[in-house]
């Protein structure tokens, strides 16, 4: 399967998606750069599963690398952990031509990308995502960040990778709840840009649940194609196009924040957020109730939540007010206008949100 190309101004990079691709990491790396030093950043769980394979592949291509590990989980996306990685990399005498390899899920990708973006004023990195959420979404597009106690991803930078290497077979070792959570981003991608892909997901829920390699490879590829197009049109989220990728994330991020990132997986929170956004859209007459029900039915068929007890918590409204997407005190929501179509609306009121949440 040919590489997907992401075109971002003067930066062009490949996304390679293939079963068994991890064993070709060294060869892939030589197509995107020749670093003076390599550091593989991973979490302890993923390192135990896949670091040796990655290092062997690099060695076969004449590339030597060190591994640096962090504790698994969202808590590692912090300035304190980033500082510990700065120290680890500097002790290895990295220079401006060194490269970081982010081997892991969304937390590792965001954290390692942020470290690469900021150390020595920026060095290259490659994403090697091992979770579904990272493979279909967070590894593509150059968003890097760490969390702050007041909200998710509030401290970060845009820093495009030199390339993305995705091996769908790594999903076989992903805990089942994490895999299911990642499916929320697959549904999100279809809802924002591709009605035919939405229908494909609805017709292949069993194959997706069974981790059928061909079905997964197709779904991951289509998600990356869509995201690559959106990112190319709006690399730094300044033209309004890229904002559609945040469908479901406004309430989703707030839900994560008020539960200290410990109750809901990211995809679970996004699923709840998509349902709320669709309800606001229906209340405004943008869509009919049939699409609200259709989306909810698909999320439920995939094992994802469509409501949460915290939706009636006043802390959720306070968290929404701190969201990055708030502009001039007005809430900006991405809402569906049809299957495979969304638009950005910047005039959503607190009353609109409370009404949608009350309809759970």
Protein backbone atom coordinates (compact mmCIF):
# COMPACT_ATOMS: atom_id res chain seq x y z
CA UNK A 1 0.00 0.00 0.00
CA UNK A 2 1.52 3.39 -0.96
CA UNK A 3 2.34 5.92 1.73
CA UNK A 4 -0.14 8.67 2.52
CA UNK A 5 1.53 12.06 2.13
CA UNK A 6 0.87 14.97 4.45
CA UNK A 7 1.60 18.30 2.76
CA UNK A 8 2.14 21.14 5.23
CA UNK A 9 3.62 24.22 3.61
CA UNK A 10 7.32 23.45 3.21
CA UNK A 11 7.09 20.21 5.19
CA UNK A 12 6.01 17.01 3.46
CA UNK A 13 6.01 13.69 5.29
CA UNK A 14 4.77 10.11 4.82
CA UNK A 15 2.34 7.97 6.77
CA UNK A 16 3.04 4.29 6.23
CA UNK A 17 0.35 1.84 7.33
CA UNK A 18 0.99 -1.88 7.01
CA UNK A 19 0.71 -5.02 9.16
CA UNK A 20 4.20 -5.85 10.42
CA UNK A 21 5.53 -2.38 9.63
CA UNK A 22 7.28 -2.10 13.00
CA UNK A 23 9.91 -4.54 11.76
CA UNK A 24 10.75 -2.09 8.97
CA UNK A 25 11.24 0.91 11.26
CA UNK A 26 14.93 1.24 10.43
CA UNK A 27 14.35 1.22 6.69
CA UNK A 28 11.51 3.72 7.07
CA UNK A 29 13.65 6.02 9.18
CA UNK A 30 16.36 6.18 6.52
CA UNK A 31 13.76 7.48 4.06
CA UNK A 32 12.90 10.47 6.26
CA UNK A 33 16.31 11.49 7.65
CA UNK A 34 19.73 10.41 8.88
CA UNK A 35 19.95 11.47 12.52
CA UNK A 36 23.19 11.76 14.48
CA UNK A 37 21.57 10.17 17.53
CA UNK A 38 18.28 8.39 18.19
CA UNK A 39 16.25 8.18 21.38
CA UNK A 40 13.14 6.02 21.57
CA UNK A 41 10.65 7.41 24.08
CA UNK A 42 8.02 4.96 25.27
CA UNK A 43 6.06 4.06 28.35
CA UNK A 44 7.04 1.08 30.45
CA UNK A 45 4.22 -1.14 29.18
CA UNK A 46 4.80 -0.52 25.48
CA UNK A 47 8.58 -0.74 25.92
CA UNK A 48 8.22 -4.25 27.35
CA UNK A 49 6.17 -5.27 24.31
CA UNK A 50 7.78 -3.52 21.37
CA UNK A 51 11.00 -1.68 22.19
CA UNK A 52 13.27 -4.63 21.41
CA UNK A 53 11.63 -5.09 18.00
CA UNK A 54 12.07 -1.41 17.25
CA UNK A 55 15.71 -1.37 18.36
CA UNK A 56 16.50 -4.52 16.35
CA UNK A 57 14.99 -3.00 13.23
CA UNK A 58 17.01 0.18 13.72
CA UNK A 59 20.17 -1.85 14.28
CA UNK A 60 19.66 -3.82 11.05
CA UNK A 61 19.67 -0.48 9.22
CA UNK A 62 22.89 0.60 10.95
CA UNK A 63 21.09 2.89 13.43
CA UNK A 64 21.72 2.64 17.15
CA UNK A 65 19.29 4.07 19.69
CA UNK A 66 18.68 4.38 23.40
CA UNK A 67 15.32 3.78 25.07
CA UNK A 68 13.83 6.14 27.65
CA UNK A 69 10.66 5.16 29.50
CA UNK A 70 7.89 7.00 31.33
CA UNK A 71 5.09 5.73 33.54
CA UNK A 72 1.98 4.73 31.53
CA UNK A 73 -1.05 6.97 31.74
CA UNK A 74 -2.26 10.54 31.27
CA UNK A 75 -0.41 11.70 34.40
CA UNK A 76 2.85 11.47 32.43
CA UNK A 77 1.70 14.31 30.15
CA UNK A 78 3.08 16.93 32.52
CA UNK A 79 5.79 19.56 32.60
CA UNK A 80 7.56 17.60 35.35
CA UNK A 81 7.82 14.49 33.18
CA UNK A 82 8.83 16.59 30.18
CA UNK A 83 11.63 18.08 32.30
CA UNK A 84 12.85 14.59 33.23
CA UNK A 85 12.97 13.71 29.53
CA UNK A 86 14.94 16.88 28.75
CA UNK A 87 17.50 15.73 31.30
CA UNK A 88 17.61 12.19 29.88
CA UNK A 89 18.11 13.45 26.32
CA UNK A 90 20.71 16.07 27.24
CA UNK A 91 22.70 13.47 29.18
CA UNK A 92 22.81 11.46 25.97
CA UNK A 93 24.40 14.47 24.28
CA UNK A 94 21.74 14.97 21.67
CA UNK A 95 22.25 17.75 19.14
CA UNK A 96 20.09 19.61 16.63
CA UNK A 97 20.40 16.70 14.16
CA UNK A 98 19.27 14.08 16.66
CA UNK A 99 15.83 12.48 16.44
CA UNK A 100 13.19 11.27 18.88
CA UNK A 101 11.03 8.25 18.12
CA UNK A 102 7.66 8.28 19.91
CA UNK A 103 6.77 4.61 20.40
CA UNK A 104 3.38 4.27 22.06
CA UNK A 105 -0.08 5.69 22.33
CA UNK A 106 -1.42 9.22 22.41
CA UNK A 107 0.17 10.14 25.72
CA UNK A 108 3.64 9.14 24.55
CA UNK A 109 3.12 10.75 21.15
CA UNK A 110 1.96 14.07 22.62
CA UNK A 111 4.66 14.10 25.30
CA UNK A 112 7.57 13.00 23.12
CA UNK A 113 6.46 15.37 20.37
CA UNK A 114 6.33 18.25 22.86
CA UNK A 115 9.82 17.42 24.12
CA UNK A 116 11.12 17.25 20.54
CA UNK A 117 9.44 20.57 19.72
CA UNK A 118 11.02 22.41 22.62
CA UNK A 119 14.43 20.88 23.35
CA UNK A 120 17.28 22.70 21.60
CA UNK A 121 14.55 24.87 20.02
CA UNK A 122 13.24 21.86 18.17
CA UNK A 123 14.55 18.56 16.81
CA UNK A 124 13.00 15.98 14.47
CA UNK A 125 10.78 13.15 15.64
CA UNK A 126 8.92 10.19 14.17
CA UNK A 127 5.60 8.84 15.41
CA UNK A 128 5.21 5.07 15.83
CA UNK A 129 1.70 4.78 17.30
CA UNK A 130 0.65 1.55 19.01
CA UNK A 131 -2.92 2.38 20.07
CA UNK A 132 -5.95 2.81 17.85
CA UNK A 133 -6.56 6.36 19.02
CA UNK A 134 -3.01 7.35 18.15
CA UNK A 135 -3.01 5.47 14.84
CA UNK A 136 -6.16 7.15 13.53
CA UNK A 137 -5.76 10.60 15.04
CA UNK A 138 -3.16 11.94 17.43
CA UNK A 139 -0.04 10.73 15.60
CA UNK A 140 -0.93 12.80 12.52
CA UNK A 141 -0.93 16.57 12.33
CA UNK A 142 1.84 17.83 14.56
CA UNK A 143 -0.13 18.74 17.67
CA UNK A 144 2.05 18.18 20.73
CA UNK A 145 1.17 19.05 24.30
CA UNK A 146 1.20 18.35 28.00
CA UNK A 147 -1.69 18.85 30.41
CA UNK A 148 -2.17 21.48 33.11
CA UNK A 149 -4.27 21.07 36.28
CA UNK A 150 -6.76 23.51 34.76
CA UNK A 151 -7.22 21.58 31.54
CA UNK A 152 -6.02 19.09 28.97
CA UNK A 153 -3.38 19.97 26.34
CA UNK A 154 -3.14 23.60 27.46
CA UNK A 155 0.66 23.75 27.08
CA UNK A 156 1.96 22.69 23.69
CA UNK A 157 3.30 23.45 20.26
CA UNK A 158 2.66 22.59 16.62
CA UNK A 159 5.59 20.44 15.51
CA UNK A 160 5.10 18.17 12.49
CA UNK A 161 6.80 14.75 12.59
CA UNK A 162 9.23 13.60 9.92
CA UNK A 163 7.02 10.60 9.38
CA UNK A 164 4.44 8.24 10.89
CA UNK A 165 4.84 4.45 10.87
CA UNK A 166 1.71 2.48 11.80
CA UNK A 167 1.55 -1.26 12.38
CA UNK A 168 -2.08 -2.34 12.96
CA UNK A 169 -0.94 -5.66 14.46
CA UNK A 170 0.23 -3.84 17.59
CA UNK A 171 -3.46 -3.44 18.44
CA UNK A 172 -3.62 -7.15 19.34
CA UNK A 173 -1.84 -6.38 22.62
CA UNK A 174 -3.90 -3.29 23.41
CA UNK A 175 -6.23 -3.72 26.41
CA UNK A 176 -9.78 -4.17 25.16
CA UNK A 177 -11.18 -1.00 26.82
CA UNK A 178 -8.42 1.09 25.20
CA UNK A 179 -9.20 -0.35 21.78
CA UNK A 180 -12.92 0.35 22.18
CA UNK A 181 -12.16 3.91 23.28
CA UNK A 182 -10.10 4.44 20.14
CA UNK A 183 -13.10 3.57 17.99
CA UNK A 184 -14.68 6.87 19.05
CA UNK A 185 -12.10 8.74 16.97
CA UNK A 186 -12.91 6.50 14.00
CA UNK A 187 -16.59 7.44 14.27
CA UNK A 188 -15.64 11.10 14.75
CA UNK A 189 -13.57 11.11 11.58
CA UNK A 190 -16.41 9.62 9.55
CA UNK A 191 -18.95 12.03 11.04
CA UNK A 192 -16.94 15.11 10.11
CA UNK A 193 -15.94 14.26 6.53
CA UNK A 194 -17.20 11.04 4.93
CA UNK A 195 -20.76 9.69 4.90
CA UNK A 196 -19.67 6.61 2.95
CA UNK A 197 -17.04 5.80 5.58
CA UNK A 198 -19.70 6.23 8.28
CA UNK A 199 -21.82 3.63 6.50
CA UNK A 200 -18.76 1.35 6.21
CA UNK A 201 -18.24 1.48 9.98
CA UNK A 202 -21.92 0.74 10.60
CA UNK A 203 -21.65 -2.29 8.31
CA UNK A 204 -18.43 -3.61 9.86
CA UNK A 205 -18.90 -3.25 13.62
CA UNK A 206 -18.35 -6.99 14.14
CA UNK A 207 -15.15 -7.06 12.09
CA UNK A 208 -13.82 -4.01 13.93
CA UNK A 209 -14.66 -5.56 17.29
CA UNK A 210 -12.87 -8.76 16.24
CA UNK A 211 -9.74 -6.79 15.19
CA UNK A 212 -9.97 -8.06 11.63
CA UNK A 213 -6.69 -6.92 10.08
CA UNK A 214 -8.07 -5.92 6.69
CA UNK A 215 -10.98 -3.97 8.18
CA UNK A 216 -8.76 -2.22 10.68
CA UNK A 217 -6.14 -1.36 8.06
CA UNK A 218 -8.84 0.16 5.84
CA UNK A 219 -10.33 2.15 8.73
CA UNK A 220 -6.97 3.45 9.91
CA UNK A 221 -5.97 4.37 6.36
CA UNK A 222 -9.20 6.25 5.67
CA UNK A 223 -8.93 8.15 8.96
CA UNK A 224 -5.37 9.18 8.14
CA UNK A 225 -6.31 10.23 4.60
CA UNK A 226 -9.05 12.47 5.97
CA UNK A 227 -6.87 13.95 8.67
CA UNK A 228 -4.00 14.54 6.24
CA UNK A 229 -6.34 16.55 4.00
CA UNK A 230 -7.65 18.62 6.90
CA UNK A 231 -4.18 19.27 8.32
CA UNK A 232 -2.83 20.31 4.93
CA UNK A 233 -5.62 22.87 4.59
CA UNK A 234 -5.08 24.31 8.08
CA UNK A 235 -1.81 23.19 9.69
CA UNK A 236 -1.98 25.47 12.74
CA UNK A 237 -5.76 25.65 13.19
CA UNK A 238 -5.91 29.29 12.14
CA UNK A 239 -8.18 29.06 9.09
CA UNK A 240 -11.06 27.36 10.85
CA UNK A 241 -10.84 24.16 8.80
CA UNK A 242 -8.88 22.06 11.26
CA UNK A 243 -11.25 22.89 14.08
CA UNK A 244 -13.65 20.24 12.76
CA UNK A 245 -11.27 17.60 14.11
CA UNK A 246 -12.40 18.70 17.58
CA UNK A 247 -15.91 17.34 17.09
CA UNK A 248 -16.95 15.88 20.45
CA UNK A 249 -13.86 17.25 22.17
CA UNK A 250 -15.32 20.40 23.73
CA UNK A 251 -17.42 18.57 26.29
CA UNK A 252 -15.11 15.56 26.11
CA UNK A 253 -12.09 17.51 27.34
CA UNK A 254 -14.17 19.20 30.06
CA UNK A 255 -15.42 15.81 31.23
CA UNK A 256 -11.85 14.53 31.45
CA UNK A 257 -10.69 17.64 33.33
CA UNK A 258 -13.35 17.59 36.07
CA UNK A 259 -12.66 13.90 36.72
CA UNK A 260 -8.89 14.50 36.94
CA UNK A 261 -8.30 12.42 33.79
CA UNK A 262 -8.93 9.28 35.83
CA UNK A 263 -12.54 8.25 35.17
CA UNK A 264 -12.97 8.33 31.40
CA UNK A 265 -10.62 7.32 28.65
CA UNK A 266 -10.21 10.02 26.04
CA UNK A 267 -12.31 8.22 23.45
CA UNK A 268 -15.06 7.56 25.96
CA UNK A 269 -15.24 11.25 26.82
CA UNK A 270 -15.25 12.18 23.11
CA UNK A 271 -18.13 9.77 22.47
CA UNK A 272 -20.19 11.49 25.18
CA UNK A 273 -19.19 14.86 23.73
CA UNK A 274 -20.30 13.88 20.22
CA UNK A 275 -23.73 12.91 21.52
CA UNK A 276 -24.08 16.24 23.33
CA UNK A 277 -22.95 18.19 20.25
CA UNK A 278 -25.47 16.33 18.10
CA UNK A 279 -28.25 17.15 20.56
CA UNK A 280 -27.37 20.85 20.44
CA UNK A 281 -27.41 20.61 16.64
CA UNK A 282 -30.83 18.96 16.65
CA UNK A 283 -32.21 21.59 19.03
CA UNK A 284 -31.10 24.25 16.55
CA UNK A 285 -32.68 22.45 13.63
CA UNK A 286 -29.33 21.65 11.97
CA UNK A 287 -30.07 17.93 11.87
CA UNK A 288 -33.05 15.74 12.59
CA UNK A 289 -33.40 13.43 15.55
CA UNK A 290 -32.79 10.45 13.29
CA UNK A 291 -29.11 11.35 12.91
CA UNK A 292 -28.77 11.85 16.67
CA UNK A 293 -30.18 8.37 17.20
CA UNK A 294 -28.06 6.92 14.38
CA UNK A 295 -24.84 8.24 15.85
CA UNK A 296 -25.76 7.09 19.36
CA UNK A 297 -26.70 3.64 18.09
CA UNK A 298 -23.35 3.25 16.34
CA UNK A 299 -21.39 4.36 19.40
CA UNK A 300 -23.35 1.93 21.58
CA UNK A 301 -22.87 -0.90 19.06
CA UNK A 302 -19.12 -0.35 19.35
CA UNK A 303 -19.29 -0.45 23.15
CA UNK A 304 -18.87 3.28 23.76
CA UNK A 305 -20.76 5.40 26.31
CA UNK A 306 -23.30 8.00 25.23
CA UNK A 307 -23.89 9.67 28.60
CA UNK A 308 -22.09 10.38 31.87
CA UNK A 309 -23.23 11.18 35.41
CA UNK A 310 -21.00 14.26 35.49
CA UNK A 311 -22.95 15.97 32.70
CA UNK A 312 -25.14 17.63 35.36
CA UNK A 313 -22.13 18.80 37.39
CA UNK A 314 -21.69 22.60 37.45
CA UNK A 315 -17.94 22.00 37.32
CA UNK A 316 -18.44 20.90 33.71
CA UNK A 317 -19.74 24.35 32.76
CA UNK A 318 -16.78 25.98 34.52
CA UNK A 319 -14.36 23.69 32.68
CA UNK A 320 -15.99 24.55 29.36
CA UNK A 321 -15.27 28.22 30.02
CA UNK A 322 -11.55 27.43 30.24
CA UNK A 323 -11.43 25.43 27.00
CA UNK A 324 -8.94 26.52 24.32
CA UNK A 325 -11.84 26.83 21.90
CA UNK A 326 -13.49 29.64 23.89
CA UNK A 327 -13.16 32.94 22.03
CA UNK A 328 -14.24 36.21 23.60
CA UNK A 329 -16.28 34.39 26.20
CA UNK A 330 -18.35 32.63 23.52
CA UNK A 331 -18.35 28.87 23.31
CA UNK A 332 -17.28 27.35 20.03
CA UNK A 333 -18.81 23.99 19.18
CA UNK A 334 -18.36 21.74 16.18
CA UNK A 335 -21.79 20.39 15.30
CA UNK A 336 -23.08 18.01 12.62
CA UNK A 337 -25.15 19.38 9.75
CA UNK A 338 -25.64 15.96 8.14
CA UNK A 339 -23.97 12.54 7.89
CA UNK A 340 -20.27 13.16 7.19
CA UNK A 341 -20.62 16.95 7.56
CA UNK A 342 -19.92 19.31 10.44
CA UNK A 343 -19.53 23.05 10.85
CA UNK A 344 -18.06 25.32 13.50
CA UNK A 345 -20.49 27.49 15.46
CA UNK A 346 -19.17 30.22 17.74
CA UNK A 347 -22.39 31.36 19.40
CA UNK A 348 -23.31 28.43 21.63
CA UNK A 349 -24.69 29.59 24.97
CA UNK A 350 -24.65 28.04 28.39
CA UNK A 351 -28.38 27.53 28.07
CA UNK A 352 -27.84 25.56 24.85
CA UNK A 353 -25.38 23.28 26.58
CA UNK A 354 -27.50 22.76 29.69
CA UNK A 355 -30.51 21.88 27.53
CA UNK A 356 -28.49 19.31 25.58
CA UNK A 357 -27.05 17.76 28.72
CA UNK A 358 -30.47 17.55 30.32
CA UNK A 359 -31.61 15.37 27.42
CA UNK A 360 -29.35 12.46 28.25
